[in-house]
Amino acid sequence: MLSQAPRGWSRGRGDQQRARRLCAAGETWEKCAMREVLEETGLHLNNVCYATVVNGIKLEDNYHYVTILMRGEVDTCFPSEPVNLEPDKNEGWTWTKWEDLPAEQHLFVPLACIKKQGYHPFRTESTK
């Protein structure tokens, strides 16, 4: 699930990205991912787990963030289409196949980094 750049935020403007924010004090990564996705898209998640970590550096933009990426499944007991619940921050949500992501220069830094590293969120060690 990806979005266009948040409105009013200079880094990543117009780049494809994923739900993101910060964990609350004492919040687990899993709970943080579930809360953020729900707050931003209205989607409920199940089976949330750690996927990978990215040390995203883009010196020309003075960008350096460590990003923890989580993976989960949409809980189909609830609506399974994303809704833009933060239109003042986000242009909208769309489902995109990993293989159909745009070129790296059109991705937010963490996604560009993991794509360049060959990471695939739906491939396991047994399916490589």
Protein backbone atom coordinates (compact mmCIF):
# COMPACT_ATOMS: atom_id res chain seq x y z
CA MET A 1 0.00 0.00 0.00
CA LEU A 2 1.50 3.30 -1.04
CA SER A 3 0.69 6.99 -1.14
CA GLN A 4 1.77 10.18 -2.79
CA ALA A 5 3.82 12.57 -0.68
CA PRO A 6 2.16 14.20 2.30
CA ARG A 7 0.91 17.71 1.64
CA GLY A 8 2.99 20.51 3.11
CA TRP A 9 6.02 18.33 3.81
CA SER A 10 9.09 19.05 1.72
CA ARG A 11 10.90 15.71 1.99
CA GLY A 12 9.51 13.16 -0.42
CA ARG A 13 7.00 15.50 -2.07
CA GLY A 14 5.43 13.59 -4.96
CA ASP A 15 7.27 10.34 -4.15
CA GLN A 16 5.55 7.02 -3.54
CA GLN A 17 5.64 6.01 0.11
CA ARG A 18 3.93 3.98 2.82
CA ALA A 19 2.10 4.76 6.06
CA ARG A 20 4.59 6.18 8.50
CA ARG A 21 4.92 8.12 11.72
CA LEU A 22 6.45 7.72 15.13
CA CYS A 23 5.77 5.23 17.88
CA ALA A 24 4.21 6.56 21.06
CA ALA A 25 6.18 6.18 24.30
CA GLY A 26 6.16 2.51 25.34
CA GLU A 27 4.35 1.38 22.18
CA THR A 28 5.58 -1.79 20.46
CA TRP A 29 6.51 -1.63 16.78
CA GLU A 30 3.57 -3.91 15.98
CA LYS A 31 1.04 -1.75 17.85
CA CYS A 32 2.53 1.39 16.31
CA ALA A 33 2.16 -0.01 12.77
CA MET A 34 -1.42 -1.12 13.45
CA ARG A 35 -2.37 2.26 14.94
CA GLU A 36 -0.74 4.34 12.21
CA VAL A 37 -2.25 2.34 9.36
CA LEU A 38 -5.68 2.56 11.01
CA GLU A 39 -5.35 6.32 11.64
CA GLU A 40 -4.14 7.07 8.11
CA THR A 41 -6.13 4.58 6.01
CA GLY A 42 -8.94 3.13 8.13
CA LEU A 43 -7.51 -0.36 7.54
CA HIS A 44 -7.33 -2.87 10.39
CA LEU A 45 -4.29 -5.15 10.33
CA ASN A 46 -3.59 -8.70 11.54
CA ASN A 47 -0.35 -10.67 11.77
CA VAL A 48 1.85 -7.58 11.99
CA CYS A 49 5.55 -8.38 12.23
CA TYR A 50 8.97 -6.90 11.61
CA ALA A 51 9.96 -6.88 7.93
CA THR A 52 13.27 -5.03 7.67
CA VAL A 53 15.15 -1.93 8.72
CA VAL A 54 16.52 0.74 6.38
CA ASN A 55 19.36 3.16 6.97
CA GLY A 56 18.11 5.75 4.47
CA ILE A 57 20.67 8.35 3.51
CA LYS A 58 20.34 11.00 0.81
CA LEU A 59 23.05 13.58 1.52
CA GLU A 60 22.01 15.98 -1.26
CA ASP A 61 18.67 16.41 0.57
CA ASN A 62 20.27 16.38 4.04
CA TYR A 63 18.19 13.25 4.72
CA HIS A 64 19.21 10.48 7.12
CA TYR A 65 16.60 8.39 8.91
CA VAL A 66 16.59 4.85 10.21
CA THR A 67 13.22 3.35 9.25
CA ILE A 68 11.71 0.16 10.68
CA LEU A 69 9.37 -1.44 8.16
CA MET A 70 6.62 -3.72 9.37
CA ARG A 71 4.46 -6.15 7.41
CA GLY A 72 0.87 -7.15 8.07
CA GLU A 73 -2.34 -8.43 6.52
CA VAL A 74 -5.59 -6.51 6.11
CA ASP A 75 -8.27 -7.81 8.48
CA THR A 76 -11.12 -8.59 6.08
CA CYS A 77 -13.67 -8.50 8.91
CA PHE A 78 -13.51 -4.73 8.30
CA PRO A 79 -13.56 -2.69 5.06
CA SER A 80 -10.47 -3.61 3.03
CA GLU A 81 -10.10 -0.55 0.82
CA PRO A 82 -7.97 2.32 2.13
CA VAL A 83 -9.55 5.71 2.80
CA ASN A 84 -7.60 8.95 2.97
CA LEU A 85 -8.28 9.92 6.59
CA GLU A 86 -5.63 12.67 6.61
CA PRO A 87 -6.33 14.70 3.44
CA ASP A 88 -4.47 17.70 4.85
CA LYS A 89 -1.31 15.53 5.06
CA ASN A 90 -1.75 12.99 2.28
CA GLU A 91 -2.95 13.01 -1.32
CA GLY A 92 -4.44 9.52 -1.16
CA TRP A 93 -3.84 5.78 -1.05
CA THR A 94 -3.66 3.17 -3.78
CA TRP A 95 -2.80 -0.53 -3.94
CA THR A 96 0.34 -1.10 -5.99
CA LYS A 97 2.12 -4.36 -6.74
CA TRP A 98 5.72 -4.33 -5.53
CA GLU A 99 6.89 -5.08 -9.07
CA ASP A 100 4.98 -2.03 -10.37
CA LEU A 101 6.65 0.55 -8.13
CA PRO A 102 8.04 3.50 -10.08
CA ALA A 103 11.75 4.06 -10.64
CA GLU A 104 13.88 4.68 -7.54
CA GLN A 105 14.08 8.44 -8.17
CA HIS A 106 10.29 8.56 -7.70
CA LEU A 107 10.28 6.61 -4.42
CA PHE A 108 10.61 7.95 -0.89
CA VAL A 109 14.15 7.26 0.37
CA PRO A 110 13.39 4.15 2.53
CA LEU A 111 11.48 2.44 -0.30
CA ALA A 112 14.18 3.33 -2.85
CA CYS A 113 16.82 1.87 -0.51
CA ILE A 114 15.09 -1.46 0.05
CA LYS A 115 14.16 -1.82 -3.60
CA LYS A 116 17.82 -1.20 -4.55
CA GLN A 117 18.88 -3.86 -2.00
CA GLY A 118 16.62 -6.42 -3.70
CA TYR A 119 14.19 -6.69 -0.78
CA HIS A 120 10.72 -8.02 -1.64
CA PRO A 121 8.02 -7.91 1.08
CA PHE A 122 6.11 -10.91 -0.22
CA ARG A 123 9.02 -13.25 -0.78
CA THR A 124 10.23 -15.52 1.98
CA GLU A 125 13.50 -17.43 2.19
CA SER A 126 11.70 -20.50 0.81
CA THR A 127 10.33 -18.61 -2.26
CA LYS A 128 13.57 -16.89 -3.33
